[in-house]
């Protein structure tokens, strides 16, 4: 059996989610199965905000802390606006940004079972749509 633990979008990915590591560790002590983690939040941010990550890397190399923190402030504002749009879209029962691409990432892992880690309230919207799509497109799970 292939168990996949996913971390749905959307929160600022400042650190790796401890919840994912804890879930995987706990599962591995209870079952003798393959357990994988898919951080869809990190994937979403890497794809949605490519230009900011690129700029942050460039500034980091220059070791200019002032510019780095200025760009982080700008990045925070942009992500906050994006999260607001996502929340409004979800409340209108519309398809969330990149949801099909996120499902494609899940399908690539060929899971038999999926566990979803929801650490932040803002992840509920994506979790709900991911579950709905999985039920439709992957009914064997």
C-alpha atoms as a PDB file:
ATOM      1  CA  UNK A   1       0.000   0.000   0.000  1.00  0.00           C
ATOM      2  CA  UNK A   2       1.159   3.500  -0.827  1.00  0.00           C
ATOM      3  CA  UNK A   3       0.104   6.123   1.745  1.00  0.00           C
ATOM      4  CA  UNK A   4       0.465   9.768   0.767  1.00  0.00           C
ATOM      5  CA  UNK A   5       0.331  12.578   3.315  1.00  0.00           C
ATOM      6  CA  UNK A   6      -0.397  15.950   1.770  1.00  0.00           C
ATOM      7  CA  UNK A   7      -0.053  19.488   3.049  1.00  0.00           C
ATOM      8  CA  UNK A   8      -2.593  21.573   1.116  1.00  0.00           C
ATOM      9  CA  UNK A   9      -2.085  25.220   0.274  1.00  0.00           C
ATOM     10  CA  UNK A  10      -2.315  27.975   1.488  1.00  0.00           C
ATOM     11  CA  UNK A  11      -0.085  29.568   4.113  1.00  0.00           C
ATOM     12  CA  UNK A  12       3.288  31.278   3.887  1.00  0.00           C
ATOM     13  CA  UNK A  13       5.823  28.435   3.782  1.00  0.00           C
ATOM     14  CA  UNK A  14       8.364  29.707   6.275  1.00  0.00           C
ATOM     15  CA  UNK A  15       9.367  26.267   7.543  1.00  0.00           C
ATOM     16  CA  UNK A  16       8.650  22.652   6.795  1.00  0.00           C
ATOM     17  CA  UNK A  17       5.439  21.530   8.473  1.00  0.00           C
ATOM     18  CA  UNK A  18       6.184  19.578  11.644  1.00  0.00           C
ATOM     19  CA  UNK A  19       2.706  18.072  11.384  1.00  0.00           C
ATOM     20  CA  UNK A  20       3.769  16.241   8.211  1.00  0.00           C
ATOM     21  CA  UNK A  21       6.852  14.785   9.843  1.00  0.00           C
ATOM     22  CA  UNK A  22       4.874  13.801  12.931  1.00  0.00           C
ATOM     23  CA  UNK A  23       2.140  12.123  10.864  1.00  0.00           C
ATOM     24  CA  UNK A  24       4.678  10.190   8.799  1.00  0.00           C
ATOM     25  CA  UNK A  25       6.631   9.103  11.860  1.00  0.00           C
ATOM     26  CA  UNK A  26       3.488   7.942  13.650  1.00  0.00           C
ATOM     27  CA  UNK A  27       2.232   6.036  10.614  1.00  0.00           C
ATOM     28  CA  UNK A  28       5.572   4.307  10.121  1.00  0.00           C
ATOM     29  CA  UNK A  29       5.445   3.002  13.695  1.00  0.00           C
ATOM     30  CA  UNK A  30       1.971   1.536  13.128  1.00  0.00           C
ATOM     31  CA  UNK A  31       2.059   0.130   9.576  1.00  0.00           C
ATOM     32  CA  UNK A  32       4.600  -1.583   7.388  1.00  0.00           C
ATOM     33  CA  UNK A  33       3.717   0.392   4.265  1.00  0.00           C
ATOM     34  CA  UNK A  34       5.281   2.997   2.024  1.00  0.00           C
ATOM     35  CA  UNK A  35       4.536   6.483   3.428  1.00  0.00           C
ATOM     36  CA  UNK A  36       5.320   9.597   1.386  1.00  0.00           C
ATOM     37  CA  UNK A  37       4.832  13.300   1.942  1.00  0.00           C
ATOM     38  CA  UNK A  38       3.733  15.818  -0.666  1.00  0.00           C
ATOM     39  CA  UNK A  39       3.957  19.455   0.391  1.00  0.00           C
ATOM     40  CA  UNK A  40       1.446  21.031  -1.979  1.00  0.00           C
ATOM     41  CA  UNK A  41       1.761  24.335  -0.145  1.00  0.00           C
ATOM     42  CA  UNK A  42       5.452  24.600  -1.012  1.00  0.00           C
ATOM     43  CA  UNK A  43       4.681  23.459  -4.577  1.00  0.00           C
ATOM     44  CA  UNK A  44       1.905  26.069  -4.894  1.00  0.00           C
ATOM     45  CA  UNK A  45       4.151  28.882  -3.676  1.00  0.00           C
ATOM     46  CA  UNK A  46       7.095  27.854  -5.835  1.00  0.00           C
ATOM     47  CA  UNK A  47       4.817  27.992  -8.892  1.00  0.00           C
ATOM     48  CA  UNK A  48       2.610  30.948  -7.979  1.00  0.00           C
ATOM     49  CA  UNK A  49       5.382  33.267  -6.763  1.00  0.00           C
ATOM     50  CA  UNK A  50       8.405  32.230  -8.858  1.00  0.00           C
ATOM     51  CA  UNK A  51       9.572  35.783  -9.408  1.00  0.00           C
ATOM     52  CA  UNK A  52       9.727  36.523  -5.671  1.00  0.00           C
ATOM     53  CA  UNK A  53      11.713  33.405  -4.885  1.00  0.00           C
ATOM     54  CA  UNK A  54      14.108  34.249  -7.701  1.00  0.00           C
ATOM     55  CA  UNK A  55      14.540  37.830  -6.475  1.00  0.00           C
ATOM     56  CA  UNK A  56      15.013  36.663  -2.871  1.00  0.00           C
ATOM     57  CA  UNK A  57      17.797  34.294  -3.976  1.00  0.00           C
ATOM     58  CA  UNK A  58      19.517  37.052  -5.957  1.00  0.00           C
ATOM     59  CA  UNK A  59      19.368  39.503  -3.034  1.00  0.00           C
ATOM     60  CA  UNK A  60      20.503  36.811  -0.611  1.00  0.00           C
ATOM     61  CA  UNK A  61      23.668  36.349  -2.690  1.00  0.00           C
ATOM     62  CA  UNK A  62      24.312  40.089  -2.492  1.00  0.00           C
ATOM     63  CA  UNK A  63      23.972  39.891   1.300  1.00  0.00           C
ATOM     64  CA  UNK A  64      21.860  43.044   1.326  1.00  0.00           C
ATOM     65  CA  UNK A  65      19.626  42.585   4.363  1.00  0.00           C
ATOM     66  CA  UNK A  66      17.739  45.838   3.837  1.00  0.00           C
ATOM     67  CA  UNK A  67      16.650  44.909   0.311  1.00  0.00           C
ATOM     68  CA  UNK A  68      15.959  41.345   1.430  1.00  0.00           C
ATOM     69  CA  UNK A  69      13.557  42.424   4.170  1.00  0.00           C
ATOM     70  CA  UNK A  70      11.927  45.026   1.923  1.00  0.00           C
ATOM     71  CA  UNK A  71      11.233  42.310  -0.632  1.00  0.00           C
ATOM     72  CA  UNK A  72       9.887  40.020   2.102  1.00  0.00           C
ATOM     73  CA  UNK A  73       7.421  42.754   3.105  1.00  0.00           C
ATOM     74  CA  UNK A  74       6.297  43.104  -0.509  1.00  0.00           C
ATOM     75  CA  UNK A  75       6.050  39.309  -0.841  1.00  0.00           C
ATOM     76  CA  UNK A  76       3.910  39.165   2.301  1.00  0.00           C
ATOM     77  CA  UNK A  77       1.501  41.776   0.895  1.00  0.00           C
ATOM     78  CA  UNK A  78       1.161  39.932  -2.409  1.00  0.00           C
ATOM     79  CA  UNK A  79       0.596  36.559  -0.753  1.00  0.00           C
ATOM     80  CA  UNK A  80      -1.949  38.098   1.620  1.00  0.00           C
ATOM     81  CA  UNK A  81      -3.896  39.441  -1.384  1.00  0.00           C
ATOM     82  CA  UNK A  82      -3.682  36.041  -3.069  1.00  0.00           C
ATOM     83  CA  UNK A  83      -4.983  34.298   0.058  1.00  0.00           C
ATOM     84  CA  UNK A  84      -7.896  36.739   0.192  1.00  0.00           C
ATOM     85  CA  UNK A  85      -8.783  36.009  -3.442  1.00  0.00           C
ATOM     86  CA  UNK A  86      -8.584  32.271  -2.748  1.00  0.00           C
ATOM     87  CA  UNK A  87     -10.916  32.590   0.252  1.00  0.00           C
ATOM     88  CA  UNK A  88     -13.449  34.611  -1.760  1.00  0.00           C
ATOM     89  CA  UNK A  89     -13.242  32.161  -4.668  1.00  0.00           C
ATOM     90  CA  UNK A  90     -13.872  29.226  -2.332  1.00  0.00           C
ATOM     91  CA  UNK A  91     -16.827  30.941  -0.689  1.00  0.00           C
ATOM     92  CA  UNK A  92     -18.366  31.434  -4.132  1.00  0.00           C
ATOM     93  CA  UNK A  93     -17.930  27.682  -4.750  1.00  0.00           C
ATOM     94  CA  UNK A  94     -15.612  28.315  -7.686  1.00  0.00           C
ATOM     95  CA  UNK A  95     -12.542  26.326  -8.659  1.00  0.00           C
ATOM     96  CA  UNK A  96      -9.433  27.391  -6.777  1.00  0.00           C
ATOM     97  CA  UNK A  97      -6.251  28.463  -8.594  1.00  0.00           C
ATOM     98  CA  UNK A  98      -4.042  25.602  -9.799  1.00  0.00           C
ATOM     99  CA  UNK A  99      -6.337  22.940  -8.292  1.00  0.00           C
ATOM    100  CA  UNK A 100      -5.989  20.651 -11.332  1.00  0.00           C
ATOM    101  CA  UNK A 101      -2.199  20.981 -11.223  1.00  0.00           C
ATOM    102  CA  UNK A 102      -2.254  20.106  -7.520  1.00  0.00           C
ATOM    103  CA  UNK A 103      -4.328  17.012  -8.256  1.00  0.00           C
ATOM    104  CA  UNK A 104      -1.812  16.062 -10.961  1.00  0.00           C
ATOM    105  CA  UNK A 105       0.926  16.147  -8.301  1.00  0.00           C
ATOM    106  CA  UNK A 106      -1.133  13.794  -6.128  1.00  0.00           C
ATOM    107  CA  UNK A 107      -1.858  11.382  -8.991  1.00  0.00           C
ATOM    108  CA  UNK A 108       1.882  11.146  -9.807  1.00  0.00           C
ATOM    109  CA  UNK A 109       2.429   9.471  -6.429  1.00  0.00           C
ATOM    110  CA  UNK A 110      -0.128   6.742  -7.224  1.00  0.00           C
ATOM    111  CA  UNK A 111      -1.492   6.656  -3.678  1.00  0.00           C
ATOM    112  CA  UNK A 112      -3.795   3.976  -2.310  1.00  0.00           C
ATOM    113  CA  UNK A 113      -4.581   6.089   0.742  1.00  0.00           C
ATOM    114  CA  UNK A 114      -4.324   9.818   1.308  1.00  0.00           C
ATOM    115  CA  UNK A 115      -4.005  11.661   4.614  1.00  0.00           C
ATOM    116  CA  UNK A 116      -4.370  15.424   4.715  1.00  0.00           C
ATOM    117  CA  UNK A 117      -2.656  17.619   7.278  1.00  0.00           C
ATOM    118  CA  UNK A 118      -4.587  20.814   7.942  1.00  0.00           C
ATOM    119  CA  UNK A 119      -2.598  22.982  10.329  1.00  0.00           C
ATOM    120  CA  UNK A 120      -3.998  26.383   9.357  1.00  0.00           C
ATOM    121  CA  UNK A 121      -7.636  27.396   8.843  1.00  0.00           C
ATOM    122  CA  UNK A 122      -6.713  28.813   5.444  1.00  0.00           C
ATOM    123  CA  UNK A 123      -5.907  25.286   4.198  1.00  0.00           C
ATOM    124  CA  UNK A 124      -9.520  24.142   4.586  1.00  0.00           C
ATOM    125  CA  UNK A 125     -10.577  25.560   1.205  1.00  0.00           C
ATOM    126  CA  UNK A 126      -7.984  23.613  -0.775  1.00  0.00           C
ATOM    127  CA  UNK A 127      -8.430  20.505   1.363  1.00  0.00           C
ATOM    128  CA  UNK A 128     -12.158  20.492   0.624  1.00  0.00           C
ATOM    129  CA  UNK A 129     -11.697  20.847  -3.139  1.00  0.00           C
ATOM    130  CA  UNK A 130      -8.876  18.296  -3.201  1.00  0.00           C
ATOM    131  CA  UNK A 131     -11.071  15.765  -1.382  1.00  0.00           C
ATOM    132  CA  UNK A 132     -13.937  16.428  -3.788  1.00  0.00           C
ATOM    133  CA  UNK A 133     -11.709  15.971  -6.854  1.00  0.00           C
ATOM    134  CA  UNK A 134     -10.115  12.827  -5.456  1.00  0.00           C
ATOM    135  CA  UNK A 135     -13.576  11.325  -4.864  1.00  0.00           C
ATOM    136  CA  UNK A 136     -14.498  12.072  -8.477  1.00  0.00           C
ATOM    137  CA  UNK A 137     -11.250  11.242 -10.277  1.00  0.00           C
ATOM    138  CA  UNK A 138      -9.746   8.616  -7.981  1.00  0.00           C
ATOM    139  CA  UNK A 139     -12.744   6.744  -6.509  1.00  0.00           C
ATOM    140  CA  UNK A 140     -10.587   3.739  -5.539  1.00  0.00           C
ATOM    141  CA  UNK A 141      -8.997   5.793  -2.739  1.00  0.00           C
END
